[in-house]
Amino acid sequence: SDARAIQALRSLGNMTFRGKRNFLHKLLQDEHIGAELI
């Protein structure tokens, strides 16, 4: 339940992924499921 980690994961939608774009990148940036999936 580390608050710093959870807060950072919820901000992934504003960040850029390296490498070829794939569907998992989109899922990880979803504010509803990204943190839970990680």
PDB file of all heavy atoms in Angstrom:
ATOM      1  N   SER A   1       0.823  -1.216   0.000  1.00  0.00           N
ATOM      2  CA  SER A   1       0.000   0.000   0.000  1.00  0.00           C
ATOM      3  C   SER A   1       0.858   1.268   0.000  1.00  0.00           C
ATOM      4  O   SER A   1       0.402   2.323   0.428  1.00  0.00           O
ATOM      5  CB  SER A   1      -0.944  -0.002   1.207  1.00  0.00           C
ATOM      6  OG  SER A   1      -0.217  -0.066   2.417  1.00  0.00           O
ATOM      7  N   ASP A   2       2.106   1.154  -0.485  1.00  0.00           N
ATOM      8  CA  ASP A   2       3.004   2.312  -0.505  1.00  0.00           C
ATOM      9  C   ASP A   2       2.367   3.450  -1.302  1.00  0.00           C
ATOM     10  O   ASP A   2       2.152   3.344  -2.519  1.00  0.00           O
ATOM     11  CB  ASP A   2       4.347   1.910  -1.132  1.00  0.00           C
ATOM     12  CG  ASP A   2       5.408   2.989  -0.951  1.00  0.00           C
ATOM     13  OD1 ASP A   2       5.236   4.078  -1.535  1.00  0.00           O
ATOM     14  OD2 ASP A   2       6.401   2.738  -0.243  1.00  0.00           O
ATOM     15  N   ALA A   3       2.063   4.559  -0.625  1.00  0.00           N
ATOM     16  CA  ALA A   3       1.338   5.662  -1.252  1.00  0.00           C
ATOM     17  C   ALA A   3       2.149   6.318  -2.364  1.00  0.00           C
ATOM     18  O   ALA A   3       1.595   6.750  -3.381  1.00  0.00           O
ATOM     19  CB  ALA A   3       0.965   6.697  -0.196  1.00  0.00           C
ATOM     20  N   ARG A   4       3.475   6.393  -2.185  1.00  0.00           N
ATOM     21  CA  ARG A   4       4.324   7.016  -3.211  1.00  0.00           C
ATOM     22  C   ARG A   4       4.267   6.215  -4.508  1.00  0.00           C
ATOM     23  O   ARG A   4       4.176   6.782  -5.606  1.00  0.00           O
ATOM     24  CB  ARG A   4       5.764   7.108  -2.708  1.00  0.00           C
ATOM     25  CG  ARG A   4       5.950   7.964  -1.465  1.00  0.00           C
ATOM     26  CD  ARG A   4       7.274   7.670  -0.789  1.00  0.00           C
ATOM     27  NE  ARG A   4       7.360   6.284  -0.336  1.00  0.00           N
ATOM     28  CZ  ARG A   4       8.402   5.768   0.312  1.00  0.00           C
ATOM     29  NH1 ARG A   4       9.462   6.532   0.567  1.00  0.00           N
ATOM     30  NH2 ARG A   4       8.406   4.505   0.690  1.00  0.00           N
ATOM     31  N   ALA A   5       4.316   4.882  -4.384  1.00  0.00           N
ATOM     32  CA  ALA A   5       4.283   4.024  -5.563  1.00  0.00           C
ATOM     33  C   ALA A   5       2.934   4.113  -6.266  1.00  0.00           C
ATOM     34  O   ALA A   5       2.863   4.243  -7.492  1.00  0.00           O
ATOM     35  CB  ALA A   5       4.583   2.581  -5.162  1.00  0.00           C
ATOM     36  N   ILE A   6       1.852   4.036  -5.503  1.00  0.00           N
ATOM     37  CA  ILE A   6       0.509   4.051  -6.097  1.00  0.00           C
ATOM     38  C   ILE A   6       0.243   5.384  -6.788  1.00  0.00           C
ATOM     39  O   ILE A   6      -0.303   5.433  -7.899  1.00  0.00           O
ATOM     40  CB  ILE A   6      -0.545   3.758  -5.014  1.00  0.00           C
ATOM     41  CG1 ILE A   6      -0.371   2.319  -4.507  1.00  0.00           C
ATOM     42  CG2 ILE A   6      -1.954   3.972  -5.561  1.00  0.00           C
ATOM     43  CD1 ILE A   6      -1.214   1.984  -3.305  1.00  0.00           C
ATOM     44  N   GLN A   7       0.645   6.480  -6.155  1.00  0.00           N
ATOM     45  CA  GLN A   7       0.433   7.801  -6.755  1.00  0.00           C
ATOM     46  C   GLN A   7       1.215   7.939  -8.064  1.00  0.00           C
ATOM     47  O   GLN A   7       0.706   8.467  -9.064  1.00  0.00           O
ATOM     48  CB  GLN A   7       0.861   8.891  -5.775  1.00  0.00           C
ATOM     49  CG  GLN A   7       0.666  10.314  -6.293  1.00  0.00           C
ATOM     50  CD  GLN A   7      -0.783  10.623  -6.629  1.00  0.00           C
ATOM     51  OE1 GLN A   7      -1.698  10.164  -5.938  1.00  0.00           O
ATOM     52  NE2 GLN A   7      -1.005  11.386  -7.688  1.00  0.00           N
ATOM     53  N   ALA A   8       2.446   7.448  -8.070  1.00  0.00           N
ATOM     54  CA  ALA A   8       3.259   7.533  -9.286  1.00  0.00           C
ATOM     55  C   ALA A   8       2.654   6.704 -10.414  1.00  0.00           C
ATOM     56  O   ALA A   8       2.626   7.126 -11.575  1.00  0.00           O
ATOM     57  CB  ALA A   8       4.689   7.074  -8.997  1.00  0.00           C
ATOM     58  N   LEU A   9       2.121   5.522 -10.076  1.00  0.00           N
ATOM     59  CA  LEU A   9       1.529   4.665 -11.101  1.00  0.00           C
ATOM     60  C   LEU A   9       0.268   5.288 -11.687  1.00  0.00           C
ATOM     61  O   LEU A   9      -0.037   5.101 -12.871  1.00  0.00           O
ATOM     62  CB  LEU A   9       1.218   3.279 -10.520  1.00  0.00           C
ATOM     63  CG  LEU A   9       2.442   2.442 -10.115  1.00  0.00           C
ATOM     64  CD1 LEU A   9       2.009   1.133  -9.488  1.00  0.00           C
ATOM     65  CD2 LEU A   9       3.338   2.184 -11.318  1.00  0.00           C
ATOM     66  N   ARG A  10      -0.451   6.021 -10.885  1.00  0.00           N
ATOM     67  CA  ARG A  10      -1.674   6.658 -11.376  1.00  0.00           C
ATOM     68  C   ARG A  10      -1.374   7.838 -12.301  1.00  0.00           C
ATOM     69  O   ARG A  10      -2.270   8.330 -12.982  1.00  0.00           O
ATOM     70  CB  ARG A  10      -2.526   7.117 -10.202  1.00  0.00           C
ATOM     71  CG  ARG A  10      -3.218   5.948  -9.496  1.00  0.00           C
ATOM     72  CD  ARG A  10      -3.967   6.387  -8.275  1.00  0.00           C
ATOM     73  NE  ARG A  10      -4.664   5.251  -7.653  1.00  0.00           N
ATOM     74  CZ  ARG A  10      -5.165   5.251  -6.427  1.00  0.00           C
ATOM     75  NH1 ARG A  10      -5.049   6.338  -5.659  1.00  0.00           N
ATOM     76  NH2 ARG A  10      -5.772   4.186  -5.954  1.00  0.00           N
ATOM     77  N   SER A  11      -0.119   8.267 -12.317  1.00  0.00           N
ATOM     78  CA  SER A  11       0.252   9.374 -13.205  1.00  0.00           C
ATOM     79  C   SER A  11       0.897   8.891 -14.495  1.00  0.00           C
ATOM     80  O   SER A  11       1.393   9.694 -15.278  1.00  0.00           O
ATOM     81  CB  SER A  11       1.208  10.324 -12.476  1.00  0.00           C
ATOM     82  OG  SER A  11       2.439   9.672 -12.181  1.00  0.00           O
ATOM     83  N   LEU A  12       0.879   7.562 -14.757  1.00  0.00           N
ATOM     84  CA  LEU A  12       1.512   7.016 -15.953  1.00  0.00           C
ATOM     85  C   LEU A  12       0.881   7.545 -17.232  1.00  0.00           C
ATOM     86  O   LEU A  12       1.525   7.596 -18.281  1.00  0.00           O
ATOM     87  CB  LEU A  12       1.432   5.482 -15.950  1.00  0.00           C
ATOM     88  CG  LEU A  12       2.408   4.735 -15.027  1.00  0.00           C
ATOM     89  CD1 LEU A  12       2.090   3.254 -15.020  1.00  0.00           C
ATOM     90  CD2 LEU A  12       3.845   4.971 -15.469  1.00  0.00           C
ATOM     91  N   GLY A  13      -0.390   7.921 -17.165  1.00  0.00           N
ATOM     92  CA  GLY A  13      -1.078   8.413 -18.356  1.00  0.00           C
ATOM     93  C   GLY A  13      -0.438   9.640 -18.951  1.00  0.00           C
ATOM     94  O   GLY A  13      -0.632   9.936 -20.144  1.00  0.00           O
ATOM     95  N   ASN A  14       0.328  10.373 -18.155  1.00  0.00           N
ATOM     96  CA  ASN A  14       0.980  11.596 -18.642  1.00  0.00           C
ATOM     97  C   ASN A  14       2.421  11.351 -19.084  1.00  0.00           C
ATOM     98  O   ASN A  14       3.148  12.301 -19.381  1.00  0.00           O
ATOM     99  CB  ASN A  14       0.971  12.665 -17.542  1.00  0.00           C
ATOM    100  CG  ASN A  14      -0.435  12.985 -17.074  1.00  0.00           C
ATOM    101  OD1 ASN A  14      -1.351  13.087 -17.892  1.00  0.00           O
ATOM    102  ND2 ASN A  14      -0.614  13.128 -15.759  1.00  0.00           N
ATOM    103  N   MET A  15       2.841  10.071 -19.092  1.00  0.00           N
ATOM    104  CA  MET A  15       4.242   9.757 -19.390  1.00  0.00           C
ATOM    105  C   MET A  15       4.370   9.060 -20.731  1.00  0.00           C
ATOM    106  O   MET A  15       3.397   8.631 -21.339  1.00  0.00           O
ATOM    107  CB  MET A  15       4.833   8.887 -18.270  1.00  0.00           C
ATOM    108  CG  MET A  15       4.781   9.540 -16.906  1.00  0.00           C
ATOM    109  SD  MET A  15       5.532   8.497 -15.635  1.00  0.00           S
ATOM    110  CE  MET A  15       4.971   9.339 -14.142  1.00  0.00           C
ATOM    111  N   THR A  16       5.619   8.906 -21.152  1.00  0.00           N
ATOM    112  CA  THR A  16       5.919   8.293 -22.444  1.00  0.00           C
ATOM    113  C   THR A  16       6.603   6.949 -22.236  1.00  0.00           C
ATOM    114  O   THR A  16       7.517   6.832 -21.423  1.00  0.00           O
ATOM    115  CB  THR A  16       6.855   9.207 -23.265  1.00  0.00           C
ATOM    116  OG1 THR A  16       6.220  10.476 -23.437  1.00  0.00           O
ATOM    117  CG2 THR A  16       7.146   8.588 -24.627  1.00  0.00           C
ATOM    118  N   PHE A  17       6.144   5.940 -22.994  1.00  0.00           N
ATOM    119  CA  PHE A  17       6.776   4.624 -22.971  1.00  0.00           C
ATOM    120  C   PHE A  17       7.843   4.551 -24.050  1.00  0.00           C
ATOM    121  O   PHE A  17       7.644   5.024 -25.169  1.00  0.00           O
ATOM    122  CB  PHE A  17       5.747   3.520 -23.217  1.00  0.00           C
ATOM    123  CG  PHE A  17       4.997   3.109 -21.995  1.00  0.00           C
ATOM    124  CD1 PHE A  17       3.890   3.828 -21.568  1.00  0.00           C
ATOM    125  CD2 PHE A  17       5.389   2.005 -21.256  1.00  0.00           C
ATOM    126  CE1 PHE A  17       3.188   3.452 -20.441  1.00  0.00           C
ATOM    127  CE2 PHE A  17       4.692   1.618 -20.128  1.00  0.00           C
ATOM    128  CZ  PHE A  17       3.594   2.345 -19.712  1.00  0.00           C
ATOM    129  N   ARG A  18       8.968   3.948 -23.699  1.00  0.00           N
ATOM    130  CA  ARG A  18       9.995   3.687 -24.697  1.00  0.00           C
ATOM    131  C   ARG A  18       9.612   2.451 -25.503  1.00  0.00           C
ATOM    132  O   ARG A  18       8.823   1.631 -25.085  1.00  0.00           O
ATOM    133  CB  ARG A  18      11.341   3.445 -24.012  1.00  0.00           C
ATOM    134  CG  ARG A  18      11.910   4.665 -23.323  1.00  0.00           C
ATOM    135  CD  ARG A  18      13.081   4.292 -22.436  1.00  0.00           C
ATOM    136  NE  ARG A  18      14.164   3.647 -23.185  1.00  0.00           N
ATOM    137  CZ  ARG A  18      15.217   3.070 -22.612  1.00  0.00           C
ATOM    138  NH1 ARG A  18      15.322   3.041 -21.302  1.00  0.00           N
ATOM    139  NH2 ARG A  18      16.160   2.519 -23.346  1.00  0.00           N
ATOM    140  N   GLY A  19      10.215   2.316 -26.681  1.00  0.00           N
ATOM    141  CA  GLY A  19       9.996   1.130 -27.490  1.00  0.00           C
ATOM    142  C   GLY A  19       8.751   1.226 -28.342  1.00  0.00           C
ATOM    143  O   GLY A  19       8.026   2.221 -28.347  1.00  0.00           O
ATOM    144  N   LYS A  20       8.492   0.155 -29.089  1.00  0.00           N
ATOM    145  CA  LYS A  20       7.343   0.085 -29.977  1.00  0.00           C
ATOM    146  C   LYS A  20       6.061   0.057 -29.158  1.00  0.00           C
ATOM    147  O   LYS A  20       5.905  -0.706 -28.214  1.00  0.00           O
ATOM    148  CB  LYS A  20       7.441  -1.173 -30.846  1.00  0.00           C
ATOM    149  CG  LYS A  20       6.316  -1.314 -31.841  1.00  0.00           C
ATOM    150  CD  LYS A  20       6.485  -2.601 -32.645  1.00  0.00           C
ATOM    151  CE  LYS A  20       5.325  -2.796 -33.605  1.00  0.00           C
ATOM    152  NZ  LYS A  20       5.456  -4.068 -34.368  1.00  0.00           N
ATOM    153  N   ARG A  21       5.117   0.915 -29.514  1.00  0.00           N
ATOM    154  CA  ARG A  21       3.850   1.011 -28.785  1.00  0.00           C
ATOM    155  C   ARG A  21       3.081  -0.305 -28.896  1.00  0.00           C
ATOM    156  O   ARG A  21       2.961  -0.886 -29.978  1.00  0.00           O
ATOM    157  CB  ARG A  21       3.014   2.143 -29.382  1.00  0.00           C
ATOM    158  CG  ARG A  21       1.686   2.396 -28.681  1.00  0.00           C
ATOM    159  CD  ARG A  21       1.885   3.148 -27.397  1.00  0.00           C
ATOM    160  NE  ARG A  21       0.623   3.521 -26.785  1.00  0.00           N
ATOM    161  CZ  ARG A  21       0.511   4.081 -25.589  1.00  0.00           C
ATOM    162  NH1 ARG A  21       1.607   4.356 -24.898  1.00  0.00           N
ATOM    163  NH2 ARG A  21      -0.657   4.399 -25.091  1.00  0.00           N
ATOM    164  N   ASN A  22       2.557  -0.824 -27.780  1.00  0.00           N
ATOM    165  CA  ASN A  22       1.740  -2.029 -27.818  1.00  0.00           C
ATOM    166  C   ASN A  22       0.555  -1.864 -26.881  1.00  0.00           C
ATOM    167  O   ASN A  22       0.480  -0.909 -26.091  1.00  0.00           O
ATOM    168  CB  ASN A  22       2.569  -3.276 -27.470  1.00  0.00           C
ATOM    169  CG  ASN A  22       3.219  -3.191 -26.094  1.00  0.00           C
ATOM    170  OD1 ASN A  22       2.534  -3.094 -25.073  1.00  0.00           O
ATOM    171  ND2 ASN A  22       4.546  -3.209 -26.053  1.00  0.00           N
ATOM    172  N   PHE A  23      -0.386  -2.806 -26.962  1.00  0.00           N
ATOM    173  CA  PHE A  23      -1.640  -2.655 -26.226  1.00  0.00           C
ATOM    174  C   PHE A  23      -1.419  -2.640 -24.717  1.00  0.00           C
ATOM    175  O   PHE A  23      -2.190  -2.032 -23.971  1.00  0.00           O
ATOM    176  CB  PHE A  23      -2.613  -3.773 -26.611  1.00  0.00           C
ATOM    177  CG  PHE A  23      -2.421  -5.061 -25.868  1.00  0.00           C
ATOM    178  CD1 PHE A  23      -3.296  -5.434 -24.860  1.00  0.00           C
ATOM    179  CD2 PHE A  23      -1.365  -5.903 -26.158  1.00  0.00           C
ATOM    180  CE1 PHE A  23      -3.127  -6.616 -24.174  1.00  0.00           C
ATOM    181  CE2 PHE A  23      -1.194  -7.091 -25.475  1.00  0.00           C
ATOM    182  CZ  PHE A  23      -2.084  -7.456 -24.477  1.00  0.00           C
ATOM    183  N   LEU A  24      -0.349  -3.292 -24.223  1.00  0.00           N
ATOM    184  CA  LEU A  24      -0.113  -3.321 -22.786  1.00  0.00           C
ATOM    185  C   LEU A  24       0.252  -1.934 -22.268  1.00  0.00           C
ATOM    186  O   LEU A  24      -0.121  -1.567 -21.147  1.00  0.00           O
ATOM    187  CB  LEU A  24       0.988  -4.324 -22.456  1.00  0.00           C
ATOM    188  CG  LEU A  24       1.183  -4.638 -20.974  1.00  0.00           C
ATOM    189  CD1 LEU A  24      -0.099  -5.185 -20.361  1.00  0.00           C
ATOM    190  CD2 LEU A  24       2.313  -5.634 -20.777  1.00  0.00           C
ATOM    191  N   HIS A  25       0.959  -1.148 -23.059  1.00  0.00           N
ATOM    192  CA  HIS A  25       1.269   0.225 -22.656  1.00  0.00           C
ATOM    193  C   HIS A  25      -0.028   0.979 -22.349  1.00  0.00           C
ATOM    194  O   HIS A  25      -0.132   1.694 -21.344  1.00  0.00           O
ATOM    195  CB  HIS A  25       2.027   0.950 -23.771  1.00  0.00           C
ATOM    196  CG  HIS A  25       3.388   0.384 -24.037  1.00  0.00           C
ATOM    197  ND1 HIS A  25       4.170   0.819 -25.071  1.00  0.00           N
ATOM    198  CD2 HIS A  25       4.097  -0.577 -23.404  1.00  0.00           C
ATOM    199  CE1 HIS A  25       5.312   0.153 -25.068  1.00  0.00           C
ATOM    200  NE2 HIS A  25       5.286  -0.709 -24.071  1.00  0.00           N
ATOM    201  N   LYS A  26      -1.012   0.824 -23.239  1.00  0.00           N
ATOM    202  CA  LYS A  26      -2.284   1.521 -23.057  1.00  0.00           C
ATOM    203  C   LYS A  26      -2.982   1.070 -21.782  1.00  0.00           C
ATOM    204  O   LYS A  26      -3.529   1.878 -21.026  1.00  0.00           O
ATOM    205  CB  LYS A  26      -3.182   1.280 -24.265  1.00  0.00           C
ATOM    206  CG  LYS A  26      -4.514   2.009 -24.209  1.00  0.00           C
ATOM    207  CD  LYS A  26      -5.327   1.766 -25.475  1.00  0.00           C
ATOM    208  CE  LYS A  26      -6.672   2.484 -25.396  1.00  0.00           C
ATOM    209  NZ  LYS A  26      -7.485   2.249 -26.626  1.00  0.00           N
ATOM    210  N   LEU A  27      -2.944  -0.227 -21.500  1.00  0.00           N
ATOM    211  CA  LEU A  27      -3.582  -0.746 -20.284  1.00  0.00           C
ATOM    212  C   LEU A  27      -2.895  -0.192 -19.034  1.00  0.00           C
ATOM    213  O   LEU A  27      -3.558   0.173 -18.057  1.00  0.00           O
ATOM    214  CB  LEU A  27      -3.529  -2.271 -20.276  1.00  0.00           C
ATOM    215  CG  LEU A  27      -4.328  -3.013 -21.352  1.00  0.00           C
ATOM    216  CD1 LEU A  27      -4.166  -4.517 -21.179  1.00  0.00           C
ATOM    217  CD2 LEU A  27      -5.804  -2.639 -21.291  1.00  0.00           C
ATOM    218  N   LEU A  28      -1.568  -0.150 -19.067  1.00  0.00           N
ATOM    219  CA  LEU A  28      -0.830   0.316 -17.896  1.00  0.00           C
ATOM    220  C   LEU A  28      -1.065   1.801 -17.632  1.00  0.00           C
ATOM    221  O   LEU A  28      -0.942   2.261 -16.492  1.00  0.00           O
ATOM    222  CB  LEU A  28       0.665   0.043 -18.081  1.00  0.00           C
ATOM    223  CG  LEU A  28       1.073  -1.432 -18.154  1.00  0.00           C
ATOM    224  CD1 LEU A  28       2.547  -1.570 -18.464  1.00  0.00           C
ATOM    225  CD2 LEU A  28       0.732  -2.164 -16.866  1.00  0.00           C
ATOM    226  N   GLN A  29      -1.414   2.550 -18.665  1.00  0.00           N
ATOM    227  CA  GLN A  29      -1.670   3.979 -18.492  1.00  0.00           C
ATOM    228  C   GLN A  29      -3.122   4.280 -18.129  1.00  0.00           C
ATOM    229  O   GLN A  29      -3.455   5.430 -17.858  1.00  0.00           O
ATOM    230  CB  GLN A  29      -1.288   4.728 -19.780  1.00  0.00           C
ATOM    231  CG  GLN A  29       0.216   4.771 -20.012  1.00  0.00           C
ATOM    232  CD  GLN A  29       0.592   5.563 -21.246  1.00  0.00           C
ATOM    233  OE1 GLN A  29       0.161   5.242 -22.352  1.00  0.00           O
ATOM    234  NE2 GLN A  29       1.391   6.598 -21.068  1.00  0.00           N
ATOM    235  N   ASP A  30      -3.965   3.242 -18.124  1.00  0.00           N
ATOM    236  CA  ASP A  30      -5.370   3.436 -17.766  1.00  0.00           C
ATOM    237  C   ASP A  30      -5.465   3.763 -16.273  1.00  0.00           C
ATOM    238  O   ASP A  30      -4.986   3.007 -15.426  1.00  0.00           O
ATOM    239  CB  ASP A  30      -6.166   2.164 -18.084  1.00  0.00           C
ATOM    240  CG  ASP A  30      -7.659   2.348 -17.892  1.00  0.00           C
ATOM    241  OD1 ASP A  30      -8.084   2.509 -16.725  1.00  0.00           O
ATOM    242  OD2 ASP A  30      -8.398   2.329 -18.893  1.00  0.00           O
ATOM    243  N   GLU A  31      -6.094   4.886 -15.935  1.00  0.00           N
ATOM    244  CA  GLU A  31      -6.129   5.321 -14.534  1.00  0.00           C
ATOM    245  C   GLU A  31      -6.921   4.376 -13.643  1.00  0.00           C
ATOM    246  O   GLU A  31      -6.753   4.365 -12.426  1.00  0.00           O
ATOM    247  CB  GLU A  31      -6.728   6.734 -14.437  1.00  0.00           C
ATOM    248  CG  GLU A  31      -8.169   6.850 -14.932  1.00  0.00           C
ATOM    249  CD  GLU A  31      -8.717   8.247 -14.746  1.00  0.00           C
ATOM    250  OE1 GLU A  31      -8.279   8.904 -13.793  1.00  0.00           O
ATOM    251  OE2 GLU A  31      -9.554   8.673 -15.545  1.00  0.00           O
ATOM    252  N   HIS A  32      -7.805   3.564 -14.237  1.00  0.00           N
ATOM    253  CA  HIS A  32      -8.635   2.664 -13.439  1.00  0.00           C
ATOM    254  C   HIS A  32      -7.965   1.311 -13.186  1.00  0.00           C
ATOM    255  O   HIS A  32      -8.143   0.726 -12.121  1.00  0.00           O
ATOM    256  CB  HIS A  32      -9.982   2.440 -14.133  1.00  0.00           C
ATOM    257  CG  HIS A  32     -10.774   3.695 -14.329  1.00  0.00           C
ATOM    258  ND1 HIS A  32     -11.322   4.400 -13.281  1.00  0.00           N
ATOM    259  CD2 HIS A  32     -11.090   4.379 -15.465  1.00  0.00           C
ATOM    260  CE1 HIS A  32     -11.955   5.472 -13.754  1.00  0.00           C
ATOM    261  NE2 HIS A  32     -11.828   5.476 -15.072  1.00  0.00           N
ATOM    262  N   ILE A  33      -7.236   0.802 -14.168  1.00  0.00           N
ATOM    263  CA  ILE A  33      -6.709  -0.563 -14.021  1.00  0.00           C
ATOM    264  C   ILE A  33      -5.188  -0.636 -14.007  1.00  0.00           C
ATOM    265  O   ILE A  33      -4.626  -1.662 -13.640  1.00  0.00           O
ATOM    266  CB  ILE A  33      -7.235  -1.479 -15.144  1.00  0.00           C
ATOM    267  CG1 ILE A  33      -6.652  -1.049 -16.497  1.00  0.00           C
ATOM    268  CG2 ILE A  33      -8.746  -1.492 -15.182  1.00  0.00           C
ATOM    269  CD1 ILE A  33      -6.966  -2.018 -17.608  1.00  0.00           C
ATOM    270  N   GLY A  34      -4.496   0.439 -14.429  1.00  0.00           N
ATOM    271  CA  GLY A  34      -3.037   0.374 -14.557  1.00  0.00           C
ATOM    272  C   GLY A  34      -2.328  -0.016 -13.282  1.00  0.00           C
ATOM    273  O   GLY A  34      -1.532  -0.956 -13.260  1.00  0.00           O
ATOM    274  N   ALA A  35      -2.630   0.695 -12.187  1.00  0.00           N
ATOM    275  CA  ALA A  35      -1.950   0.417 -10.915  1.00  0.00           C
ATOM    276  C   ALA A  35      -2.260  -0.986 -10.424  1.00  0.00           C
ATOM    277  O   ALA A  35      -1.381  -1.691  -9.913  1.00  0.00           O
ATOM    278  CB  ALA A  35      -2.361   1.455  -9.871  1.00  0.00           C
ATOM    279  N   GLU A  36      -3.520  -1.430 -10.588  1.00  0.00           N
ATOM    280  CA  GLU A  36      -3.900  -2.771 -10.143  1.00  0.00           C
ATOM    281  C   GLU A  36      -3.187  -3.838 -10.961  1.00  0.00           C
ATOM    282  O   GLU A  36      -2.731  -4.853 -10.430  1.00  0.00           O
ATOM    283  CB  GLU A  36      -5.419  -2.938 -10.266  1.00  0.00           C
ATOM    284  CG  GLU A  36      -5.941  -4.326  -9.927  1.00  0.00           C
ATOM    285  CD  GLU A  36      -5.753  -4.718  -8.469  1.00  0.00           C
ATOM    286  OE1 GLU A  36      -5.336  -3.860  -7.664  1.00  0.00           O
ATOM    287  OE2 GLU A  36      -6.012  -5.885  -8.133  1.00  0.00           O
ATOM    288  N   LEU A  37      -3.081  -3.616 -12.254  1.00  0.00           N
ATOM    289  CA  LEU A  37      -2.403  -4.584 -13.115  1.00  0.00           C
ATOM    290  C   LEU A  37      -0.930  -4.703 -12.740  1.00  0.00           C
ATOM    291  O   LEU A  37      -0.387  -5.816 -12.677  1.00  0.00           O
ATOM    292  CB  LEU A  37      -2.548  -4.155 -14.577  1.00  0.00           C
ATOM    293  CG  LEU A  37      -1.879  -5.033 -15.636  1.00  0.00           C
ATOM    294  CD1 LEU A  37      -2.349  -6.471 -15.515  1.00  0.00           C
ATOM    295  CD2 LEU A  37      -2.172  -4.495 -17.022  1.00  0.00           C
ATOM    296  N   ILE A  38      -0.279  -3.595 -12.478  1.00  0.00           N
ATOM    297  CA  ILE A  38       1.139  -3.625 -12.097  1.00  0.00           C
ATOM    298  C   ILE A  38       1.313  -4.307 -10.740  1.00  0.00           C
ATOM    299  O   ILE A  38       2.264  -5.060 -10.519  1.00  0.00           O
ATOM    300  CB  ILE A  38       1.712  -2.197 -12.077  1.00  0.00           C
ATOM    301  CG1 ILE A  38       1.748  -1.645 -13.516  1.00  0.00           C
ATOM    302  CG2 ILE A  38       3.101  -2.158 -11.462  1.00  0.00           C
ATOM    303  CD1 ILE A  38       2.002  -0.172 -13.607  1.00  0.00           C
TER     304      ILE A  38
END
